[in-house]
Amino acid sequence: MTLSFFDQFMSPVFLGVPLIAIALILPCIIFPTPTTRWLNNRLIAVQSSFINQFTSQLFLPLNPGAHKWALMFMSLMLFLISLNMLGLLPYTFTPTTQLSLNMGLAVPLWLAAVIIGMRNQPTITLGHLLPEQTPTLLIPVLIVIETISFVIRPLALGVRLTANLTAGHLLIQLIATAAFVLLPLMPTVALLTATLLFLLTLLEVAVSMIQAYVFVLLLSLYLQETV
């Protein structure tokens, strides 16, 4: 029983083909594409309003030079939200519970921001490794500490997203198993457990959206330091 709880995080394979590729392509299919018509339907209008509000809030503290990243960050936001939400459906797989996928998204974007900062303003980029008015004796120690904290940023991004989604899915499966086992023994307790499961599912929906937002928000903050 203990091992079966983690079976949901294994990448499914059908006829030797990993189905994670289909799970990654699916979000690109379900989103409606804008048309050239003057009047769009309600779904496209809501989607456009959400994209405009999110983009304006995300890039409000950034200078105009960083606004060219808006399309990439917005696409990443919608991509992560779609993967996280689709993973809550029954008999589905959540690719964002895989640390390799999250690191594959975090490391290139973080590294791109660092390379742009080192190319455009290397002094300011390296200046973040040493706070102002630091005592002379503490300079070597602080440089080492700040360098380590700077390098592990993409690791923190990937682990945060993976850990939050994995913990939520495990908790949902544990409570669902408890409700199923208690149903023939104590129906009242099973009903209360099912109610708790429903509330937890709503919470997990919110967590799926918040974690995608936090992932993109932290990337934008890293970009703010270098651009």
Protein backbone atom coordinates (compact mmCIF):
# COMPACT_ATOMS: atom_id res chain seq x y z
CA MET A 1 0.00 0.00 0.00
CA THR A 2 2.84 2.38 0.81
CA LEU A 3 4.46 1.89 -2.58
CA SER A 4 1.19 2.30 -4.45
CA PHE A 5 0.83 5.85 -3.15
CA PHE A 6 3.85 6.86 -5.21
CA ASP A 7 2.82 5.01 -8.35
CA GLN A 8 0.89 8.07 -9.48
CA PHE A 9 4.16 9.98 -9.87
CA MET A 10 5.68 7.45 -12.27
CA SER A 11 5.73 8.52 -15.89
CA PRO A 12 3.18 6.31 -17.73
CA VAL A 13 4.37 4.36 -20.76
CA PHE A 14 2.15 2.86 -23.48
CA LEU A 15 3.69 0.53 -26.09
CA GLY A 16 7.11 1.86 -25.18
CA VAL A 17 6.07 5.49 -25.74
CA PRO A 18 6.24 7.80 -22.66
CA LEU A 19 2.87 9.49 -22.32
CA ILE A 20 4.43 12.50 -20.60
CA ALA A 21 4.98 13.93 -24.10
CA ILE A 22 1.21 13.89 -24.71
CA ALA A 23 0.63 15.49 -21.30
CA LEU A 24 3.01 18.31 -22.21
CA ILE A 25 1.37 18.91 -25.59
CA LEU A 26 -2.22 18.86 -24.30
CA PRO A 27 -2.23 22.38 -22.75
CA CYS A 28 -1.35 23.84 -26.13
CA ILE A 29 -4.45 22.23 -27.63
CA ILE A 30 -7.12 23.14 -25.07
CA PHE A 31 -6.52 26.90 -25.10
CA PRO A 32 -8.62 28.84 -27.62
CA THR A 33 -6.67 30.80 -30.19
CA PRO A 34 -7.65 34.42 -30.95
CA THR A 35 -9.22 35.02 -34.33
CA THR A 36 -9.24 37.98 -36.69
CA ARG A 37 -12.89 38.70 -35.95
CA TRP A 38 -13.80 41.98 -34.29
CA LEU A 39 -15.97 40.25 -31.68
CA ASN A 40 -14.62 37.16 -29.93
CA ASN A 41 -16.53 34.73 -27.76
CA ARG A 42 -16.69 34.98 -23.96
CA LEU A 43 -13.94 32.42 -23.34
CA ILE A 44 -11.39 34.29 -25.43
CA ALA A 45 -12.46 37.57 -23.81
CA VAL A 46 -11.93 36.17 -20.30
CA GLN A 47 -8.60 34.67 -21.32
CA SER A 48 -7.41 37.96 -22.82
CA SER A 49 -8.50 39.90 -19.73
CA PHE A 50 -6.63 37.48 -17.45
CA ILE A 51 -3.48 37.70 -19.57
CA ASN A 52 -3.56 41.51 -19.61
CA GLN A 53 -4.12 41.80 -15.85
CA PHE A 54 -1.45 39.26 -14.99
CA THR A 55 1.11 40.77 -17.35
CA SER A 56 0.57 44.30 -16.03
CA GLN A 57 0.89 43.19 -12.41
CA LEU A 58 3.93 40.99 -13.02
CA PHE A 59 5.96 43.54 -14.98
CA LEU A 60 4.89 46.61 -13.01
CA PRO A 61 8.14 46.82 -10.95
CA LEU A 62 10.38 45.95 -13.93
CA ASN A 63 11.95 48.46 -16.27
CA PRO A 64 10.93 48.57 -19.94
CA GLY A 65 13.96 46.50 -20.93
CA ALA A 66 12.47 43.45 -19.23
CA HIS A 67 9.07 43.74 -20.91
CA LYS A 68 10.31 41.71 -23.87
CA TRP A 69 10.08 38.67 -21.55
CA ALA A 70 6.32 39.15 -21.12
CA LEU A 71 5.29 36.67 -23.80
CA MET A 72 7.61 33.94 -22.50
CA PHE A 73 6.58 34.37 -18.86
CA MET A 74 2.89 34.53 -19.70
CA SER A 75 3.13 31.38 -21.81
CA LEU A 76 5.01 29.63 -19.00
CA MET A 77 2.35 30.72 -16.51
CA LEU A 78 -0.51 29.32 -18.57
CA PHE A 79 1.48 26.17 -19.31
CA LEU A 80 2.14 25.44 -15.63
CA ILE A 81 -1.42 26.23 -14.57
CA SER A 82 -2.75 23.88 -17.25
CA LEU A 83 -0.43 21.03 -16.24
CA ASN A 84 -1.20 21.48 -12.55
CA MET A 85 -4.96 21.66 -13.05
CA LEU A 86 -5.16 18.75 -15.50
CA GLY A 87 -3.20 16.64 -13.03
CA LEU A 88 -6.09 16.92 -10.55
CA LEU A 89 -8.44 15.01 -12.87
CA PRO A 90 -8.90 11.29 -12.23
CA TYR A 91 -6.63 8.86 -14.08
CA THR A 92 -4.28 11.62 -15.19
CA PHE A 93 -0.57 12.27 -14.77
CA THR A 94 0.95 15.51 -13.45
CA PRO A 95 4.25 16.21 -15.23
CA THR A 96 5.12 19.02 -12.81
CA THR A 97 5.55 16.49 -9.99
CA GLN A 98 8.75 15.44 -11.77
CA LEU A 99 11.79 17.34 -10.52
CA SER A 100 13.57 16.84 -13.84
CA LEU A 101 10.86 18.73 -15.73
CA ASN A 102 10.75 21.60 -13.23
CA MET A 103 14.53 21.91 -13.26
CA GLY A 104 14.44 21.87 -17.04
CA LEU A 105 12.18 24.92 -16.91
CA ALA A 106 13.95 26.75 -14.07
CA VAL A 107 17.63 26.36 -14.96
CA PRO A 108 17.57 27.70 -18.57
CA LEU A 109 15.44 30.74 -17.68
CA TRP A 110 17.53 31.57 -14.60
CA LEU A 111 20.74 31.07 -16.57
CA ALA A 112 19.48 33.29 -19.38
CA ALA A 113 18.76 36.09 -16.89
CA VAL A 114 22.25 35.71 -15.39
CA ILE A 115 23.95 35.74 -18.80
CA ILE A 116 22.04 38.86 -19.85
CA GLY A 117 23.01 40.59 -16.61
CA MET A 118 26.68 39.62 -16.96
CA ARG A 119 26.72 40.89 -20.53
CA ASN A 120 24.86 44.18 -20.02
CA GLN A 121 25.89 45.24 -16.49
CA PRO A 122 28.42 42.86 -14.93
CA THR A 123 29.34 45.22 -12.09
CA ILE A 124 25.78 45.47 -10.80
CA THR A 125 25.19 41.75 -11.27
CA LEU A 126 28.28 40.80 -9.30
CA GLY A 127 27.52 43.53 -6.76
CA HIS A 128 24.61 41.46 -5.45
CA LEU A 129 27.13 38.96 -4.09
CA LEU A 130 28.43 41.46 -1.53
CA PRO A 131 26.12 43.71 0.54
CA GLU A 132 27.11 47.31 1.12
CA GLN A 133 29.10 48.36 4.20
CA THR A 134 30.24 44.82 4.90
CA PRO A 135 33.12 44.50 7.42
CA THR A 136 36.40 43.55 5.80
CA LEU A 137 36.79 40.34 7.78
CA LEU A 138 33.36 39.09 6.67
CA ILE A 139 33.81 39.78 2.96
CA PRO A 140 35.18 36.32 1.98
CA VAL A 141 32.55 34.50 4.02
CA LEU A 142 29.67 36.59 2.69
CA ILE A 143 30.84 36.18 -0.90
CA VAL A 144 30.82 32.39 -0.50
CA ILE A 145 27.38 32.43 1.18
CA GLU A 146 25.84 34.77 -1.38
CA THR A 147 27.33 32.77 -4.25
CA ILE A 148 25.84 29.55 -2.91
CA SER A 149 22.44 31.17 -2.40
CA PHE A 150 22.66 32.62 -5.90
CA VAL A 151 23.51 29.30 -7.53
CA ILE A 152 20.80 27.27 -5.76
CA ARG A 153 18.00 29.55 -6.92
CA PRO A 154 16.90 27.32 -9.82
CA LEU A 155 17.09 24.29 -7.53
CA ALA A 156 14.82 26.05 -5.05
CA LEU A 157 12.37 26.87 -7.84
CA GLY A 158 12.16 23.29 -9.04
CA VAL A 159 12.02 21.71 -5.59
CA ARG A 160 9.34 24.14 -4.38
CA LEU A 161 7.00 23.36 -7.25
CA THR A 162 7.66 19.62 -7.06
CA ALA A 163 7.28 19.37 -3.28
CA ASN A 164 4.03 21.35 -3.08
CA LEU A 165 2.30 19.41 -5.83
CA THR A 166 3.59 16.04 -4.64
CA ALA A 167 2.47 16.69 -1.07
CA GLY A 168 -0.99 17.76 -2.23
CA HIS A 169 -1.48 14.71 -4.43
CA LEU A 170 -0.29 12.36 -1.68
CA LEU A 171 -2.63 13.94 0.86
CA ILE A 172 -5.59 13.68 -1.51
CA GLN A 173 -4.86 10.01 -2.17
CA LEU A 174 -4.45 9.24 1.55
CA ILE A 175 -7.77 10.87 2.48
CA ALA A 176 -9.55 9.26 -0.48
CA THR A 177 -8.23 5.85 0.58
CA ALA A 178 -9.37 6.48 4.14
CA ALA A 179 -12.86 7.47 2.99
CA PHE A 180 -13.11 4.35 0.81
CA VAL A 181 -12.01 2.05 3.66
CA LEU A 182 -14.28 3.69 6.26
CA LEU A 183 -17.39 3.68 4.06
CA PRO A 184 -18.62 0.13 4.95
CA LEU A 185 -17.44 0.40 8.57
CA MET A 186 -18.40 3.91 9.68
CA PRO A 187 -20.49 5.70 7.05
CA THR A 188 -20.75 8.92 9.08
CA VAL A 189 -17.01 9.23 9.48
CA ALA A 190 -16.58 8.34 5.82
CA LEU A 191 -18.98 11.14 4.86
CA LEU A 192 -17.00 13.63 6.94
CA THR A 193 -13.80 12.37 5.37
CA ALA A 194 -15.30 12.79 1.90
CA THR A 195 -16.25 16.36 2.80
CA LEU A 196 -12.70 16.99 3.91
CA LEU A 197 -11.50 15.49 0.64
CA PHE A 198 -13.69 17.89 -1.34
CA LEU A 199 -12.37 20.89 0.59
CA LEU A 200 -8.81 19.67 0.15
CA THR A 201 -9.38 19.32 -3.59
CA LEU A 202 -10.52 22.95 -3.74
CA LEU A 203 -7.41 23.93 -1.79
CA GLU A 204 -5.24 21.95 -4.18
CA VAL A 205 -6.80 23.80 -7.12
CA ALA A 206 -5.77 27.08 -5.49
CA VAL A 207 -2.31 25.70 -4.74
CA SER A 208 -1.89 24.64 -8.38
CA MET A 209 -2.58 28.18 -9.56
CA ILE A 210 -0.56 29.87 -6.81
CA GLN A 211 2.51 27.69 -7.34
CA ALA A 212 2.53 28.47 -11.06
CA TYR A 213 2.27 32.18 -10.25
CA VAL A 214 5.05 31.98 -7.64
CA PHE A 215 7.31 30.14 -10.09
CA VAL A 216 6.96 32.87 -12.72
CA LEU A 217 7.05 35.68 -10.13
CA LEU A 218 10.39 34.52 -8.71
CA LEU A 219 11.81 34.26 -12.22
CA SER A 220 10.74 37.85 -12.85
CA LEU A 221 12.40 38.97 -9.61
CA TYR A 222 15.62 37.26 -10.66
CA LEU A 223 15.33 39.05 -13.98
CA GLN A 224 14.80 42.35 -12.19
CA GLU A 225 18.22 42.05 -10.54
CA THR A 226 20.05 41.61 -13.82
CA VAL A 227 18.15 43.72 -16.37
